[in-house]
Each structure stands twice: as C-alpha cells, then as structure tokens.
C-alpha cells in the first residue's frame, strides 16, 4: 500500500513540475492581469462626463448665462406686467448669455495657453 502512495505522490510531483514549466500557465496569468487592468480602465470611463468635457467652455458659459436669464425672466414675471417682464427677461437672457460666453472664452484661452506651455 505504501508503494502505491509513493507512486501517486511521485506522479503528482511530476505533474506539478511539468505544470510549473508550462509556458501557457504563465501566459494565462499575464493575460488575466491585462484583462483586469483593461476592465478597471473601462469601468472608470463615463460617457456623459467625457462628452461634457469635449464641449468648449464658450458654449457652456453661454448656456449657463441663458439659463440664468431665464430665471430672471421668470422672477420678473412675478413682479412686472407680462409685456414688460418678457422684454426685460429676453434682454437679460441675451445679455447674460453673452457674458457667460465671454467668461467661457476666457477659460478656453486659459486652457489653450496652459496646454501650449506643457
């Protein structure tokens, strides 16, 4: 019985030694590491955030200014007659949109200068 155990032990030892020299084991390990790193990189991606970063700040500034003008329009609508509030609100939307676009343009210029200095 002990000879049979010894034979089994030697067979297992031989299989482990052959497995340790097998290059496919190392390759599978490396491929697994690469796959985990790629999955981690993909999980950090966010379509909406990446898309928003690609939009120039001049457009963001104009949009934010227009939204603020819309808020002014709604607030003026509560206190002034409709025709007057509408006129002042539209003017506020245009004015704040232009101011927001100017600020956004300044931020775009700042980013371009920062990138050119790198």
N, C-alpha and C. Protein backbone atom coordinates (compact mmCIF):
# COMPACT_ATOMS: atom_id res chain seq x y z
N UNK A 1 0.81 -1.18 0.00
CA UNK A 1 0.00 0.00 0.00
C UNK A 1 0.85 1.25 0.00
N UNK A 2 1.98 1.23 0.73
CA UNK A 2 2.83 2.40 0.79
C UNK A 2 3.51 2.65 -0.55
N UNK A 3 3.76 1.56 -1.30
CA UNK A 3 4.34 1.75 -2.64
C UNK A 3 3.35 2.47 -3.55
N UNK A 4 2.09 2.13 -3.42
CA UNK A 4 1.06 2.79 -4.24
C UNK A 4 0.97 4.27 -3.88
N UNK A 5 1.03 4.59 -2.60
CA UNK A 5 1.00 6.01 -2.18
C UNK A 5 2.22 6.75 -2.72
N UNK A 6 3.36 6.07 -2.64
CA UNK A 6 4.60 6.71 -3.13
C UNK A 6 4.51 6.96 -4.63
N UNK A 7 3.94 6.04 -5.35
CA UNK A 7 3.78 6.21 -6.80
C UNK A 7 2.84 7.37 -7.09
N UNK A 8 1.74 7.47 -6.37
CA UNK A 8 0.80 8.57 -6.55
C UNK A 8 1.45 9.91 -6.21
N UNK A 9 2.24 9.92 -5.12
CA UNK A 9 2.91 11.14 -4.73
C UNK A 9 3.91 11.58 -5.79
N UNK A 10 4.63 10.64 -6.35
CA UNK A 10 5.61 10.97 -7.39
C UNK A 10 4.92 11.44 -8.67
N UNK A 11 3.77 10.84 -9.00
CA UNK A 11 3.01 11.29 -10.17
C UNK A 11 2.53 12.72 -10.00
N UNK A 12 2.02 13.02 -8.81
CA UNK A 12 1.55 14.39 -8.54
C UNK A 12 2.71 15.38 -8.58
N UNK A 13 3.85 14.96 -8.01
CA UNK A 13 5.03 15.83 -8.03
C UNK A 13 5.49 16.08 -9.45
N UNK A 14 5.49 15.04 -10.26
CA UNK A 14 5.88 15.19 -11.67
C UNK A 14 4.93 16.11 -12.42
N UNK A 15 3.62 15.95 -12.17
CA UNK A 15 2.63 16.81 -12.83
C UNK A 15 2.81 18.28 -12.42
N UNK A 16 3.11 18.51 -11.13
CA UNK A 16 3.34 19.88 -10.68
C UNK A 16 4.59 20.47 -11.31
N UNK A 17 5.63 19.68 -11.44
CA UNK A 17 6.86 20.17 -12.06
C UNK A 17 6.65 20.48 -13.54
N UNK A 18 5.93 19.62 -14.22
CA UNK A 18 5.63 19.87 -15.64
C UNK A 18 4.76 21.10 -15.78
N UNK A 19 3.77 21.25 -14.89
CA UNK A 19 2.90 22.42 -14.93
C UNK A 19 3.66 23.71 -14.65
N UNK A 20 4.66 23.63 -13.77
CA UNK A 20 5.44 24.83 -13.45
C UNK A 20 6.27 25.28 -14.64
N UNK A 21 6.70 24.33 -15.48
CA UNK A 21 7.49 24.69 -16.66
C UNK A 21 6.64 25.02 -17.87
N UNK A 22 5.33 24.81 -17.77
CA UNK A 22 4.44 25.05 -18.91
C UNK A 22 4.31 26.56 -19.16
N UNK A 23 4.68 27.05 -20.33
CA UNK A 23 4.60 28.49 -20.61
C UNK A 23 3.16 29.00 -20.71
N UNK A 24 2.22 28.13 -21.00
CA UNK A 24 0.83 28.58 -21.13
C UNK A 24 0.27 29.02 -19.77
N UNK A 25 0.76 28.45 -18.67
CA UNK A 25 0.30 28.84 -17.34
C UNK A 25 0.71 30.29 -17.09
N UNK A 26 1.96 30.61 -17.38
CA UNK A 26 2.43 31.98 -17.19
C UNK A 26 1.68 32.94 -18.12
N UNK A 27 1.46 32.51 -19.35
CA UNK A 27 0.75 33.36 -20.31
C UNK A 27 -0.69 33.63 -19.86
N UNK A 28 -1.37 32.62 -19.34
CA UNK A 28 -2.73 32.82 -18.83
C UNK A 28 -2.73 33.80 -17.67
N UNK A 29 -1.73 33.72 -16.82
CA UNK A 29 -1.63 34.63 -15.68
C UNK A 29 -1.45 36.07 -16.17
N UNK A 30 -0.57 36.26 -17.14
CA UNK A 30 -0.33 37.60 -17.69
C UNK A 30 -1.58 38.11 -18.39
N UNK A 31 -2.25 37.27 -19.16
CA UNK A 31 -3.46 37.67 -19.85
C UNK A 31 -4.56 38.05 -18.85
N UNK A 32 -4.62 37.33 -17.74
CA UNK A 32 -5.60 37.68 -16.71
C UNK A 32 -5.31 39.04 -16.10
N UNK A 33 -4.04 39.33 -15.87
CA UNK A 33 -3.67 40.65 -15.34
C UNK A 33 -4.04 41.75 -16.33
N UNK A 34 -3.77 41.53 -17.60
CA UNK A 34 -4.09 42.52 -18.64
C UNK A 34 -5.60 42.73 -18.70
N UNK A 35 -6.35 41.65 -18.63
CA UNK A 35 -7.81 41.76 -18.70
C UNK A 35 -8.35 42.52 -17.49
N UNK A 36 -7.79 42.28 -16.30
CA UNK A 36 -8.24 43.01 -15.11
C UNK A 36 -7.92 44.50 -15.22
N UNK A 37 -6.74 44.84 -15.72
CA UNK A 37 -6.38 46.25 -15.89
C UNK A 37 -7.29 46.92 -16.91
N UNK A 38 -7.58 46.23 -18.01
CA UNK A 38 -8.46 46.80 -19.04
C UNK A 38 -9.87 47.00 -18.49
N UNK A 39 -10.37 46.05 -17.72
CA UNK A 39 -11.70 46.18 -17.12
C UNK A 39 -11.74 47.35 -16.15
N UNK A 40 -10.68 47.52 -15.38
CA UNK A 40 -10.62 48.63 -14.43
C UNK A 40 -10.61 49.96 -15.17
N UNK A 41 -9.86 50.04 -16.28
CA UNK A 41 -9.83 51.27 -17.06
C UNK A 41 -11.18 51.56 -17.69
N UNK A 42 -11.86 50.52 -18.18
CA UNK A 42 -13.19 50.72 -18.78
C UNK A 42 -14.21 51.14 -17.74
N UNK A 43 -14.07 50.65 -16.53
CA UNK A 43 -15.05 50.98 -15.50
C UNK A 43 -14.93 52.44 -15.08
N UNK A 44 -13.77 53.05 -15.27
CA UNK A 44 -13.59 54.45 -14.91
C UNK A 44 -14.15 55.39 -15.96
N UNK A 45 -14.45 54.89 -17.15
CA UNK A 45 -14.97 55.74 -18.22
C UNK A 45 -16.44 56.05 -17.95
N UNK A 46 -16.81 57.28 -18.26
CA UNK A 46 -18.20 57.70 -18.13
C UNK A 46 -18.53 58.51 -19.38
N UNK A 47 -19.47 58.02 -20.17
CA UNK A 47 -19.79 58.64 -21.45
C UNK A 47 -20.21 60.09 -21.28
N UNK A 48 -21.07 60.37 -20.30
CA UNK A 48 -21.61 61.72 -20.16
C UNK A 48 -20.55 62.70 -19.70
N UNK A 49 -19.72 62.30 -18.74
CA UNK A 49 -18.66 63.19 -18.28
C UNK A 49 -17.63 63.44 -19.38
N UNK A 50 -17.26 62.39 -20.10
CA UNK A 50 -16.29 62.56 -21.18
C UNK A 50 -16.85 63.43 -22.29
N UNK A 51 -18.13 63.28 -22.59
CA UNK A 51 -18.76 64.09 -23.63
C UNK A 51 -18.85 65.55 -23.19
N UNK A 52 -19.17 65.78 -21.94
CA UNK A 52 -19.29 67.15 -21.43
C UNK A 52 -17.94 67.86 -21.44
N UNK A 53 -16.86 67.11 -21.21
CA UNK A 53 -15.53 67.71 -21.22
C UNK A 53 -15.12 68.15 -22.62
N UNK A 54 -15.68 67.52 -23.65
CA UNK A 54 -15.32 67.85 -25.02
C UNK A 54 -16.02 69.11 -25.54
N UNK A 55 -17.07 69.53 -24.87
CA UNK A 55 -17.80 70.73 -25.30
C UNK A 55 -17.00 71.95 -24.87
N UNK A 56 -16.78 72.91 -25.80
CA UNK A 56 -16.00 74.10 -25.43
C UNK A 56 -16.69 74.88 -24.30
N UNK A 57 -15.87 75.51 -23.49
CA UNK A 57 -16.40 76.26 -22.34
C UNK A 57 -17.18 77.49 -22.79
N UNK A 58 -16.91 77.96 -23.99
CA UNK A 58 -17.65 79.11 -24.52
C UNK A 58 -19.14 78.75 -24.64
N UNK A 59 -19.43 77.53 -25.06
CA UNK A 59 -20.83 77.09 -25.17
C UNK A 59 -21.44 76.87 -23.79
N UNK A 60 -20.65 76.28 -22.88
CA UNK A 60 -21.15 76.08 -21.52
C UNK A 60 -21.48 77.43 -20.88
N UNK A 61 -20.58 78.40 -21.04
CA UNK A 61 -20.81 79.72 -20.45
C UNK A 61 -22.05 80.37 -21.02
N UNK A 62 -22.23 80.29 -22.35
CA UNK A 62 -23.43 80.86 -22.96
C UNK A 62 -24.69 80.17 -22.49
N UNK A 63 -24.63 78.86 -22.35
CA UNK A 63 -25.80 78.11 -21.88
C UNK A 63 -26.14 78.47 -20.43
N UNK A 64 -25.14 78.55 -19.59
CA UNK A 64 -25.39 78.90 -18.18
C UNK A 64 -25.94 80.32 -18.09
N UNK A 65 -25.38 81.24 -18.89
CA UNK A 65 -25.89 82.60 -18.90
C UNK A 65 -27.34 82.66 -19.36
N UNK A 66 -27.68 81.89 -20.37
CA UNK A 66 -29.06 81.88 -20.87
C UNK A 66 -30.02 81.31 -19.82
N UNK A 67 -29.58 80.30 -19.09
CA UNK A 67 -30.42 79.72 -18.04
C UNK A 67 -30.63 80.74 -16.92
N UNK A 68 -29.56 81.45 -16.56
CA UNK A 68 -29.72 82.50 -15.55
C UNK A 68 -30.67 83.59 -16.04
N UNK A 69 -30.59 83.94 -17.33
CA UNK A 69 -31.53 84.90 -17.90
C UNK A 69 -32.95 84.41 -17.85
N UNK A 70 -33.14 83.11 -18.07
CA UNK A 70 -34.48 82.52 -17.98
C UNK A 70 -35.02 82.62 -16.56
N UNK A 71 -34.14 82.40 -15.59
CA UNK A 71 -34.56 82.54 -14.18
C UNK A 71 -34.98 83.99 -13.91
N UNK A 72 -34.20 84.96 -14.45
CA UNK A 72 -34.56 86.37 -14.29
C UNK A 72 -35.91 86.63 -14.94
N UNK A 73 -36.13 86.06 -16.12
CA UNK A 73 -37.42 86.22 -16.81
C UNK A 73 -38.56 85.71 -15.95
N UNK A 74 -38.39 84.56 -15.33
CA UNK A 74 -39.46 84.01 -14.50
C UNK A 74 -39.69 84.85 -13.25
N UNK A 75 -38.63 85.34 -12.66
CA UNK A 75 -38.79 86.17 -11.46
C UNK A 75 -39.45 87.51 -11.82
N UNK A 76 -39.01 88.12 -12.94
CA UNK A 76 -39.63 89.38 -13.35
C UNK A 76 -41.10 89.20 -13.69
N UNK A 77 -41.46 88.03 -14.17
CA UNK A 77 -42.85 87.75 -14.49
C UNK A 77 -43.76 87.80 -13.28
N UNK A 78 -43.20 87.59 -12.12
CA UNK A 78 -43.99 87.64 -10.89
C UNK A 78 -44.27 89.08 -10.44
N UNK A 79 -43.37 90.00 -10.78
CA UNK A 79 -43.47 91.35 -10.24
C UNK A 79 -43.89 92.42 -11.24
N UNK A 80 -43.67 92.18 -12.53
CA UNK A 80 -43.97 93.18 -13.55
C UNK A 80 -45.09 92.69 -14.46
N UNK A 81 -45.70 93.59 -15.21
CA UNK A 81 -46.69 93.16 -16.21
C UNK A 81 -46.03 92.25 -17.25
N UNK A 82 -46.82 91.43 -17.90
CA UNK A 82 -46.30 90.39 -18.79
C UNK A 82 -45.44 90.94 -19.91
N UNK A 83 -45.88 91.99 -20.60
CA UNK A 83 -45.13 92.52 -21.74
C UNK A 83 -43.78 93.07 -21.29
N UNK A 84 -43.77 93.81 -20.21
CA UNK A 84 -42.52 94.40 -19.71
C UNK A 84 -41.58 93.32 -19.20
N UNK A 85 -42.12 92.37 -18.45
CA UNK A 85 -41.30 91.29 -17.91
C UNK A 85 -40.71 90.45 -19.04
N UNK A 86 -41.49 90.18 -20.08
CA UNK A 86 -40.99 89.41 -21.21
C UNK A 86 -39.85 90.12 -21.92
N UNK A 87 -40.00 91.42 -22.14
CA UNK A 87 -38.96 92.19 -22.81
C UNK A 87 -37.68 92.22 -21.99
N UNK A 88 -37.81 92.55 -20.69
CA UNK A 88 -36.62 92.59 -19.83
C UNK A 88 -36.01 91.20 -19.65
N UNK A 89 -36.84 90.19 -19.59
CA UNK A 89 -36.33 88.83 -19.44
C UNK A 89 -35.55 88.37 -20.65
N UNK A 90 -36.06 88.67 -21.84
CA UNK A 90 -35.34 88.29 -23.06
C UNK A 90 -34.03 89.06 -23.16
N UNK A 91 -34.06 90.33 -22.81
CA UNK A 91 -32.82 91.11 -22.79
C UNK A 91 -31.83 90.53 -21.78
N UNK A 92 -32.33 90.13 -20.62
CA UNK A 92 -31.46 89.54 -19.61
C UNK A 92 -30.87 88.22 -20.11
N UNK A 93 -31.68 87.41 -20.80
CA UNK A 93 -31.17 86.14 -21.35
C UNK A 93 -30.05 86.41 -22.34
N UNK A 94 -30.25 87.37 -23.24
CA UNK A 94 -29.23 87.69 -24.23
C UNK A 94 -27.97 88.24 -23.57
N UNK A 95 -28.15 89.18 -22.67
CA UNK A 95 -27.01 89.81 -22.02
C UNK A 95 -26.22 88.80 -21.19
N UNK A 96 -26.92 88.02 -20.39
CA UNK A 96 -26.22 87.03 -19.56
C UNK A 96 -25.61 85.92 -20.41
N UNK A 97 -26.25 85.57 -21.52
CA UNK A 97 -25.67 84.58 -22.43
C UNK A 97 -24.36 85.08 -23.03
N UNK A 98 -24.34 86.35 -23.44
CA UNK A 98 -23.10 86.92 -24.00
C UNK A 98 -22.02 87.00 -22.92
N UNK A 99 -22.39 87.43 -21.72
CA UNK A 99 -21.41 87.50 -20.63
C UNK A 99 -20.87 86.11 -20.30
N UNK A 100 -21.76 85.12 -20.25
CA UNK A 100 -21.33 83.74 -20.00
C UNK A 100 -20.41 83.22 -21.08
N UNK A 101 -20.72 83.55 -22.34
CA UNK A 101 -19.86 83.13 -23.45
C UNK A 101 -18.49 83.79 -23.34
N UNK A 102 -18.46 85.05 -22.91
CA UNK A 102 -17.18 85.75 -22.74
C UNK A 102 -16.34 85.08 -21.65
N UNK A 103 -16.99 84.74 -20.54
CA UNK A 103 -16.26 84.05 -19.48
C UNK A 103 -15.76 82.68 -19.97
N UNK A 104 -16.62 81.96 -20.69
CA UNK A 104 -16.22 80.66 -21.21
C UNK A 104 -15.07 80.77 -22.18
N UNK A 105 -15.09 81.81 -23.00
CA UNK A 105 -14.00 82.04 -23.94
C UNK A 105 -12.70 82.30 -23.19
N UNK A 106 -12.79 83.07 -22.12
CA UNK A 106 -11.59 83.34 -21.31
C UNK A 106 -11.03 82.04 -20.73
N UNK A 107 -11.91 81.15 -20.28
CA UNK A 107 -11.43 79.88 -19.75
C UNK A 107 -10.82 79.01 -20.86
N UNK A 108 -11.40 79.04 -22.07
CA UNK A 108 -10.82 78.30 -23.19
C UNK A 108 -9.44 78.83 -23.53
N UNK A 109 -9.28 80.15 -23.55
CA UNK A 109 -7.97 80.74 -23.85
C UNK A 109 -6.97 80.34 -22.77
N UNK A 110 -7.39 80.37 -21.51
CA UNK A 110 -6.51 79.96 -20.42
C UNK A 110 -6.06 78.51 -20.60
N UNK A 111 -6.98 77.64 -20.97
CA UNK A 111 -6.63 76.23 -21.16
C UNK A 111 -5.68 76.06 -22.34
N UNK A 112 -5.91 76.80 -23.43
CA UNK A 112 -5.00 76.70 -24.58
C UNK A 112 -3.60 77.18 -24.21
N UNK A 113 -3.51 78.26 -23.45
CA UNK A 113 -2.20 78.75 -23.03
C UNK A 113 -1.53 77.73 -22.13
N UNK A 114 -2.29 77.15 -21.21
CA UNK A 114 -1.73 76.15 -20.30
C UNK A 114 -1.23 74.94 -21.08
N UNK A 115 -1.98 74.52 -22.11
CA UNK A 115 -1.56 73.36 -22.90
C UNK A 115 -0.34 73.68 -23.76
N UNK A 116 -0.23 74.92 -24.23
CA UNK A 116 0.92 75.27 -25.07
C UNK A 116 2.19 75.40 -24.26
N UNK A 117 2.08 75.62 -22.95
CA UNK A 117 3.27 75.73 -22.10
C UNK A 117 3.81 74.38 -21.69
N UNK A 118 3.03 73.32 -21.85
CA UNK A 118 3.48 71.99 -21.46
C UNK A 118 4.54 71.46 -22.38
